[in-house]
Amino acid sequence: MGSTWAITLIAGVLFTPLFMTQGLGRFDFWWWMSTNLTILLVLVTIFDRHWWSEIRIDIKHQTLWKVGFGILSALFLYIVFYAGNIVSRQIFSFAKSGIENVYAFKSGVSPFRIAVLMVLLIGPGEELFWRGFLQRRLQMEQGRWRGFIIATSIYTLVHLASGNAMLILAAGLCGLFWGFLYVQKGSILLNIVSHTVWDVAIFLLFPVIE
């Protein structure tokens, strides 16, 4: 488990400046996020020999069902966020600016590039790392539910550097949702589809912003 915590620490080091600055010049949020995930997935591939073999088995088994369930789960999560957007704006004075700041990540960036990175790397990469690697390893070591709680907590904590309460709340909710989905179904393919479809829907196709 030493490599698990070492890679998790590296993830914290990589994501903290990303969420603090949201980009440095042309090296914007989307390039930076993609780079971080690429580094982490390379490390995981090196230190977890069973990782890719388990993913290949998962992809070959009940593929269409997992894709379909993943799409439906993304739709459900989108509805939750759509309703949450309306309610949070009524309850929290900081909700409107917090949500707008999240969508500001797209400012000046080609929607096409964001979509390509989301579909090919960011959506799949986040699930491969946070659930497929970290949560899976923690569940093996700490037990099913404790591993889920620890992995979800770490996923939420890395967003603290943003200082954006709405982003942190969103990360916590998404972490709980996809973490629980992984506990129940044990399919990283299902999670990848869910995360990627939700990303594209909420950021590009049907943003929850006035």
C-alpha atoms as a PDB file:
ATOM      1  CA  MET A   1       0.000   0.000   0.000  1.00  0.00           C
ATOM      2  CA  GLY A   2       3.022   2.310   0.187  1.00  0.00           C
ATOM      3  CA  SER A   3       2.758   3.085  -3.523  1.00  0.00           C
ATOM      4  CA  THR A   4      -0.948   3.901  -3.122  1.00  0.00           C
ATOM      5  CA  TRP A   5      -0.275   6.655  -0.602  1.00  0.00           C
ATOM      6  CA  ALA A   6       2.790   7.882  -2.480  1.00  0.00           C
ATOM      7  CA  ILE A   7       0.778   8.296  -5.696  1.00  0.00           C
ATOM      8  CA  THR A   8      -2.074   9.892  -3.741  1.00  0.00           C
ATOM      9  CA  LEU A   9       0.372  12.410  -2.287  1.00  0.00           C
ATOM     10  CA  ILE A  10       1.637  13.163  -5.788  1.00  0.00           C
ATOM     11  CA  ALA A  11      -1.978  13.709  -6.870  1.00  0.00           C
ATOM     12  CA  GLY A  12      -2.394  16.248  -4.090  1.00  0.00           C
ATOM     13  CA  VAL A  13       0.788  18.035  -5.133  1.00  0.00           C
ATOM     14  CA  LEU A  14      -0.369  18.127  -8.765  1.00  0.00           C
ATOM     15  CA  PHE A  15      -3.945  19.252  -8.168  1.00  0.00           C
ATOM     16  CA  THR A  16      -3.390  21.849  -5.431  1.00  0.00           C
ATOM     17  CA  PRO A  17      -1.733  24.497  -7.665  1.00  0.00           C
ATOM     18  CA  LEU A  18      -4.193  23.679 -10.456  1.00  0.00           C
ATOM     19  CA  PHE A  19      -7.213  24.538  -8.331  1.00  0.00           C
ATOM     20  CA  MET A  20      -5.462  27.515  -6.752  1.00  0.00           C
ATOM     21  CA  THR A  21      -4.560  29.222 -10.038  1.00  0.00           C
ATOM     22  CA  GLN A  22      -6.865  27.488 -12.593  1.00  0.00           C
ATOM     23  CA  GLY A  23      -4.105  27.776 -15.176  1.00  0.00           C
ATOM     24  CA  LEU A  24      -0.957  29.646 -16.095  1.00  0.00           C
ATOM     25  CA  GLY A  25      -1.225  31.571 -19.351  1.00  0.00           C
ATOM     26  CA  ARG A  26      -1.682  29.241 -22.298  1.00  0.00           C
ATOM     27  CA  PHE A  27      -1.318  26.284 -19.948  1.00  0.00           C
ATOM     28  CA  ASP A  28      -4.961  26.639 -18.947  1.00  0.00           C
ATOM     29  CA  PHE A  29      -7.101  24.544 -16.614  1.00  0.00           C
ATOM     30  CA  TRP A  30      -7.961  21.957 -19.272  1.00  0.00           C
ATOM     31  CA  TRP A  31      -4.392  21.339 -20.437  1.00  0.00           C
ATOM     32  CA  TRP A  32      -3.201  21.248 -16.824  1.00  0.00           C
ATOM     33  CA  MET A  33      -5.905  18.811 -15.710  1.00  0.00           C
ATOM     34  CA  SER A  34      -5.150  16.576 -18.686  1.00  0.00           C
ATOM     35  CA  THR A  35      -1.416  16.657 -17.945  1.00  0.00           C
ATOM     36  CA  ASN A  36      -1.951  15.801 -14.268  1.00  0.00           C
ATOM     37  CA  LEU A  37      -4.137  12.835 -15.116  1.00  0.00           C
ATOM     38  CA  THR A  38      -1.676  11.574 -17.718  1.00  0.00           C
ATOM     39  CA  ILE A  39       1.150  11.661 -15.144  1.00  0.00           C
ATOM     40  CA  LEU A  40      -0.969   9.842 -12.556  1.00  0.00           C
ATOM     41  CA  LEU A  41      -2.148   7.158 -14.968  1.00  0.00           C
ATOM     42  CA  VAL A  42       1.431   6.487 -16.044  1.00  0.00           C
ATOM     43  CA  LEU A  43       2.426   6.063 -12.393  1.00  0.00           C
ATOM     44  CA  VAL A  44      -0.530   3.773 -11.739  1.00  0.00           C
ATOM     45  CA  THR A  45       0.363   1.643 -14.758  1.00  0.00           C
ATOM     46  CA  ILE A  46       3.906   1.266 -13.443  1.00  0.00           C
ATOM     47  CA  PHE A  47       3.050   0.430  -9.839  1.00  0.00           C
ATOM     48  CA  ASP A  48      -0.237  -1.488 -10.159  1.00  0.00           C
ATOM     49  CA  ARG A  49       0.336  -4.490 -12.419  1.00  0.00           C
ATOM     50  CA  HIS A  50      -3.236  -5.778 -12.120  1.00  0.00           C
ATOM     51  CA  TRP A  51      -4.859  -2.442 -13.002  1.00  0.00           C
ATOM     52  CA  TRP A  52      -5.092  -2.757 -16.808  1.00  0.00           C
ATOM     53  CA  SER A  53      -5.939  -6.463 -16.794  1.00  0.00           C
ATOM     54  CA  GLU A  54      -8.932  -5.820 -14.521  1.00  0.00           C
ATOM     55  CA  ILE A  55     -10.066  -2.947 -16.721  1.00  0.00           C
ATOM     56  CA  ARG A  56      -9.880  -5.107 -19.853  1.00  0.00           C
ATOM     57  CA  ILE A  57     -12.002  -7.787 -18.202  1.00  0.00           C
ATOM     58  CA  ASP A  58     -14.518  -5.163 -17.095  1.00  0.00           C
ATOM     59  CA  ILE A  59     -14.822  -3.686 -20.603  1.00  0.00           C
ATOM     60  CA  LYS A  60     -15.491  -7.099 -22.185  1.00  0.00           C
ATOM     61  CA  HIS A  61     -18.250  -8.120 -19.749  1.00  0.00           C
ATOM     62  CA  GLN A  62     -21.835  -6.787 -20.217  1.00  0.00           C
ATOM     63  CA  THR A  63     -20.469  -3.798 -22.131  1.00  0.00           C
ATOM     64  CA  LEU A  64     -23.751  -2.482 -23.544  1.00  0.00           C
ATOM     65  CA  TRP A  65     -25.530  -2.764 -20.200  1.00  0.00           C
ATOM     66  CA  LYS A  66     -22.753  -0.813 -18.473  1.00  0.00           C
ATOM     67  CA  VAL A  67     -22.777   1.895 -21.132  1.00  0.00           C
ATOM     68  CA  GLY A  68     -26.558   2.225 -20.904  1.00  0.00           C
ATOM     69  CA  PHE A  69     -26.590   2.305 -17.105  1.00  0.00           C
ATOM     70  CA  GLY A  70     -23.749   4.818 -17.156  1.00  0.00           C
ATOM     71  CA  ILE A  71     -25.743   7.162 -19.398  1.00  0.00           C
ATOM     72  CA  LEU A  72     -28.845   6.848 -17.196  1.00  0.00           C
ATOM     73  CA  SER A  73     -26.823   7.529 -14.054  1.00  0.00           C
ATOM     74  CA  ALA A  74     -25.315  10.631 -15.692  1.00  0.00           C
ATOM     75  CA  LEU A  75     -28.826  11.842 -16.510  1.00  0.00           C
ATOM     76  CA  PHE A  76     -29.894  11.291 -12.896  1.00  0.00           C
ATOM     77  CA  LEU A  77     -26.877  13.199 -11.557  1.00  0.00           C
ATOM     78  CA  TYR A  78     -27.536  16.035 -13.999  1.00  0.00           C
ATOM     79  CA  ILE A  79     -31.114  16.349 -12.717  1.00  0.00           C
ATOM     80  CA  VAL A  80     -29.775  16.449  -9.142  1.00  0.00           C
ATOM     81  CA  PHE A  81     -27.406  19.284 -10.072  1.00  0.00           C
ATOM     82  CA  TYR A  82     -30.088  21.127 -12.030  1.00  0.00           C
ATOM     83  CA  ALA A  83     -32.348  21.100  -8.994  1.00  0.00           C
ATOM     84  CA  GLY A  84     -29.423  21.844  -6.680  1.00  0.00           C
ATOM     85  CA  ASN A  85     -28.530  24.900  -8.739  1.00  0.00           C
ATOM     86  CA  ILE A  86     -32.015  26.339  -8.208  1.00  0.00           C
ATOM     87  CA  VAL A  87     -32.199  25.511  -4.498  1.00  0.00           C
ATOM     88  CA  SER A  88     -28.640  26.587  -3.634  1.00  0.00           C
ATOM     89  CA  ARG A  89     -29.160  30.024  -5.193  1.00  0.00           C
ATOM     90  CA  GLN A  90     -32.106  30.528  -2.858  1.00  0.00           C
ATOM     91  CA  ILE A  91     -30.245  29.350   0.252  1.00  0.00           C
ATOM     92  CA  PHE A  92     -26.626  30.465  -0.141  1.00  0.00           C
ATOM     93  CA  SER A  93     -25.593  34.017  -0.964  1.00  0.00           C
ATOM     94  CA  PHE A  94     -22.320  32.740  -2.428  1.00  0.00           C
ATOM     95  CA  ALA A  95     -23.915  30.144  -4.717  1.00  0.00           C
ATOM     96  CA  LYS A  96     -24.361  32.349  -7.788  1.00  0.00           C
ATOM     97  CA  SER A  97     -20.774  33.643  -7.856  1.00  0.00           C
ATOM     98  CA  GLY A  98     -19.387  30.215  -6.979  1.00  0.00           C
ATOM     99  CA  ILE A  99     -21.192  28.527  -9.860  1.00  0.00           C
ATOM    100  CA  GLU A 100     -20.207  31.312 -12.250  1.00  0.00           C
ATOM    101  CA  ASN A 101     -16.563  30.922 -11.207  1.00  0.00           C
ATOM    102  CA  VAL A 102     -16.675  27.230 -12.073  1.00  0.00           C
ATOM    103  CA  TYR A 103     -18.018  27.999 -15.534  1.00  0.00           C
ATOM    104  CA  ALA A 104     -15.338  30.681 -15.887  1.00  0.00           C
ATOM    105  CA  PHE A 105     -12.897  27.783 -16.423  1.00  0.00           C
ATOM    106  CA  LYS A 106     -14.295  27.714 -19.984  1.00  0.00           C
ATOM    107  CA  SER A 107     -13.610  31.391 -20.642  1.00  0.00           C
ATOM    108  CA  GLY A 108     -11.575  31.949 -23.793  1.00  0.00           C
ATOM    109  CA  VAL A 109     -11.186  28.219 -24.456  1.00  0.00           C
ATOM    110  CA  SER A 110     -12.486  26.433 -27.539  1.00  0.00           C
ATOM    111  CA  PRO A 111     -15.545  24.315 -26.619  1.00  0.00           C
ATOM    112  CA  PHE A 112     -14.311  21.746 -29.121  1.00  0.00           C
ATOM    113  CA  ARG A 113     -10.981  21.365 -27.283  1.00  0.00           C
ATOM    114  CA  ILE A 114     -12.763  21.088 -23.939  1.00  0.00           C
ATOM    115  CA  ALA A 115     -15.076  18.409 -25.356  1.00  0.00           C
ATOM    116  CA  VAL A 116     -12.208  16.407 -26.851  1.00  0.00           C
ATOM    117  CA  LEU A 117     -10.195  16.515 -23.618  1.00  0.00           C
ATOM    118  CA  MET A 118     -13.252  15.635 -21.536  1.00  0.00           C
ATOM    119  CA  VAL A 119     -14.197  12.647 -23.670  1.00  0.00           C
ATOM    120  CA  LEU A 120     -10.732  11.252 -24.349  1.00  0.00           C
ATOM    121  CA  LEU A 121      -8.878  12.029 -21.135  1.00  0.00           C
ATOM    122  CA  ILE A 122     -10.479  14.008 -18.315  1.00  0.00           C
ATOM    123  CA  GLY A 123     -13.686  12.017 -17.790  1.00  0.00           C
ATOM    124  CA  PRO A 124     -12.077   8.597 -18.264  1.00  0.00           C
ATOM    125  CA  GLY A 125      -8.863   9.643 -16.499  1.00  0.00           C
ATOM    126  CA  GLU A 126     -10.577  10.849 -13.338  1.00  0.00           C
ATOM    127  CA  GLU A 127     -12.506   7.603 -12.965  1.00  0.00           C
ATOM    128  CA  LEU A 128      -9.517   5.424 -13.824  1.00  0.00           C
ATOM    129  CA  PHE A 129      -7.493   7.144 -11.120  1.00  0.00           C
ATOM    130  CA  TRP A 130      -9.912   8.060  -8.317  1.00  0.00           C
ATOM    131  CA  ARG A 131     -12.179   5.016  -8.454  1.00  0.00           C
ATOM    132  CA  GLY A 132     -10.317   2.464 -10.602  1.00  0.00           C
ATOM    133  CA  PHE A 133      -7.050   2.883  -8.742  1.00  0.00           C
ATOM    134  CA  LEU A 134      -7.421   4.713  -5.414  1.00  0.00           C
ATOM    135  CA  GLN A 135     -10.830   3.514  -4.270  1.00  0.00           C
ATOM    136  CA  ARG A 136     -10.225  -0.032  -5.493  1.00  0.00           C
ATOM    137  CA  ARG A 137      -6.910  -0.225  -3.627  1.00  0.00           C
ATOM    138  CA  LEU A 138      -8.344   1.304  -0.461  1.00  0.00           C
ATOM    139  CA  GLN A 139     -11.318  -1.056  -0.534  1.00  0.00           C
ATOM    140  CA  MET A 140      -8.937  -3.994  -0.774  1.00  0.00           C
ATOM    141  CA  GLU A 141      -6.919  -2.742   2.186  1.00  0.00           C
ATOM    142  CA  GLN A 142      -9.475  -0.964   4.378  1.00  0.00           C
ATOM    143  CA  GLY A 143     -12.680  -2.771   3.494  1.00  0.00           C
ATOM    144  CA  ARG A 144     -15.459  -1.938   1.073  1.00  0.00           C
ATOM    145  CA  TRP A 145     -17.172   0.980   2.836  1.00  0.00           C
ATOM    146  CA  ARG A 146     -14.217   2.438   4.681  1.00  0.00           C
ATOM    147  CA  GLY A 147     -12.211   2.472   1.457  1.00  0.00           C
ATOM    148  CA  PHE A 148     -15.100   4.237  -0.266  1.00  0.00           C
ATOM    149  CA  ILE A 149     -15.290   6.900   2.455  1.00  0.00           C
ATOM    150  CA  ILE A 150     -11.536   7.531   2.506  1.00  0.00           C
ATOM    151  CA  ALA A 151     -11.254   7.732  -1.288  1.00  0.00           C
ATOM    152  CA  THR A 152     -14.256  10.065  -1.514  1.00  0.00           C
ATOM    153  CA  SER A 153     -12.851  12.278   1.237  1.00  0.00           C
ATOM    154  CA  ILE A 154      -9.509  12.602  -0.555  1.00  0.00           C
ATOM    155  CA  TYR A 155     -11.263  13.346  -3.857  1.00  0.00           C
ATOM    156  CA  THR A 156     -13.180  16.149  -2.150  1.00  0.00           C
ATOM    157  CA  LEU A 157     -10.180  17.508  -0.244  1.00  0.00           C
ATOM    158  CA  VAL A 158      -8.069  18.098  -3.351  1.00  0.00           C
ATOM    159  CA  HIS A 159     -10.676  20.662  -4.427  1.00  0.00           C
ATOM    160  CA  LEU A 160     -10.244  22.727  -1.246  1.00  0.00           C
ATOM    161  CA  ALA A 161      -7.417  24.711  -2.836  1.00  0.00           C
ATOM    162  CA  SER A 162      -9.951  26.298  -5.182  1.00  0.00           C
ATOM    163  CA  GLY A 163     -11.484  28.214  -2.272  1.00  0.00           C
ATOM    164  CA  ASN A 164     -14.822  27.850  -4.093  1.00  0.00           C
ATOM    165  CA  ALA A 165     -17.446  26.429  -1.745  1.00  0.00           C
ATOM    166  CA  MET A 166     -19.741  25.438  -4.611  1.00  0.00           C
ATOM    167  CA  LEU A 167     -16.977  23.550  -6.414  1.00  0.00           C
ATOM    168  CA  ILE A 168     -16.039  21.762  -3.190  1.00  0.00           C
ATOM    169  CA  LEU A 169     -19.683  20.823  -2.527  1.00  0.00           C
ATOM    170  CA  ALA A 170     -20.057  19.639  -6.120  1.00  0.00           C
ATOM    171  CA  ALA A 171     -16.889  17.550  -5.867  1.00  0.00           C
ATOM    172  CA  GLY A 172     -18.102  16.006  -2.615  1.00  0.00           C
ATOM    173  CA  LEU A 173     -21.474  15.110  -4.109  1.00  0.00           C
ATOM    174  CA  CYS A 174     -19.931  13.711  -7.300  1.00  0.00           C
ATOM    175  CA  GLY A 175     -17.360  11.775  -5.273  1.00  0.00           C
ATOM    176  CA  LEU A 176     -20.115  10.207  -3.183  1.00  0.00           C
ATOM    177  CA  PHE A 177     -22.208   9.423  -6.245  1.00  0.00           C
ATOM    178  CA  TRP A 178     -19.494   7.847  -8.401  1.00  0.00           C
ATOM    179  CA  GLY A 179     -17.827   6.222  -5.404  1.00  0.00           C
ATOM    180  CA  PHE A 180     -21.109   4.599  -4.351  1.00  0.00           C
ATOM    181  CA  LEU A 181     -21.753   3.568  -7.953  1.00  0.00           C
ATOM    182  CA  TYR A 182     -18.370   1.850  -8.009  1.00  0.00           C
ATOM    183  CA  VAL A 183     -19.037   0.109  -4.683  1.00  0.00           C
ATOM    184  CA  GLN A 184     -22.365  -1.210  -5.929  1.00  0.00           C
ATOM    185  CA  LYS A 185     -21.516  -2.139  -9.525  1.00  0.00           C
ATOM    186  CA  GLY A 186     -17.728  -2.574  -9.420  1.00  0.00           C
ATOM    187  CA  SER A 187     -17.402  -1.411 -13.028  1.00  0.00           C
ATOM    188  CA  ILE A 188     -14.941   1.290 -14.003  1.00  0.00           C
ATOM    189  CA  LEU A 189     -16.399   1.316 -17.532  1.00  0.00           C
ATOM    190  CA  LEU A 190     -19.819   2.205 -16.137  1.00  0.00           C
ATOM    191  CA  ASN A 191     -18.239   4.970 -14.055  1.00  0.00           C
ATOM    192  CA  ILE A 192     -16.273   6.325 -17.013  1.00  0.00           C
ATOM    193  CA  VAL A 193     -19.416   6.597 -19.130  1.00  0.00           C
ATOM    194  CA  SER A 194     -21.339   8.241 -16.278  1.00  0.00           C
ATOM    195  CA  HIS A 195     -18.598  10.775 -15.508  1.00  0.00           C
ATOM    196  CA  THR A 196     -17.844  11.639 -19.138  1.00  0.00           C
ATOM    197  CA  VAL A 197     -21.476  12.066 -20.201  1.00  0.00           C
ATOM    198  CA  TRP A 198     -22.196  14.200 -17.136  1.00  0.00           C
ATOM    199  CA  ASP A 199     -19.118  16.362 -17.756  1.00  0.00           C
ATOM    200  CA  VAL A 200     -20.104  17.120 -21.341  1.00  0.00           C
ATOM    201  CA  ALA A 201     -23.758  17.718 -20.429  1.00  0.00           C
ATOM    202  CA  ILE A 202     -23.188  20.048 -17.479  1.00  0.00           C
ATOM    203  CA  PHE A 203     -20.254  22.022 -18.878  1.00  0.00           C
ATOM    204  CA  LEU A 204     -21.039  22.210 -22.581  1.00  0.00           C
ATOM    205  CA  LEU A 205     -24.467  21.033 -23.712  1.00  0.00           C
ATOM    206  CA  PHE A 206     -26.811  22.110 -20.914  1.00  0.00           C
ATOM    207  CA  PRO A 207     -24.924  24.280 -18.411  1.00  0.00           C
ATOM    208  CA  VAL A 208     -26.819  25.135 -15.220  1.00  0.00           C
ATOM    209  CA  ILE A 209     -26.055  28.837 -15.335  1.00  0.00           C
ATOM    210  CA  GLU A 210     -28.299  31.827 -15.963  1.00  0.00           C
END
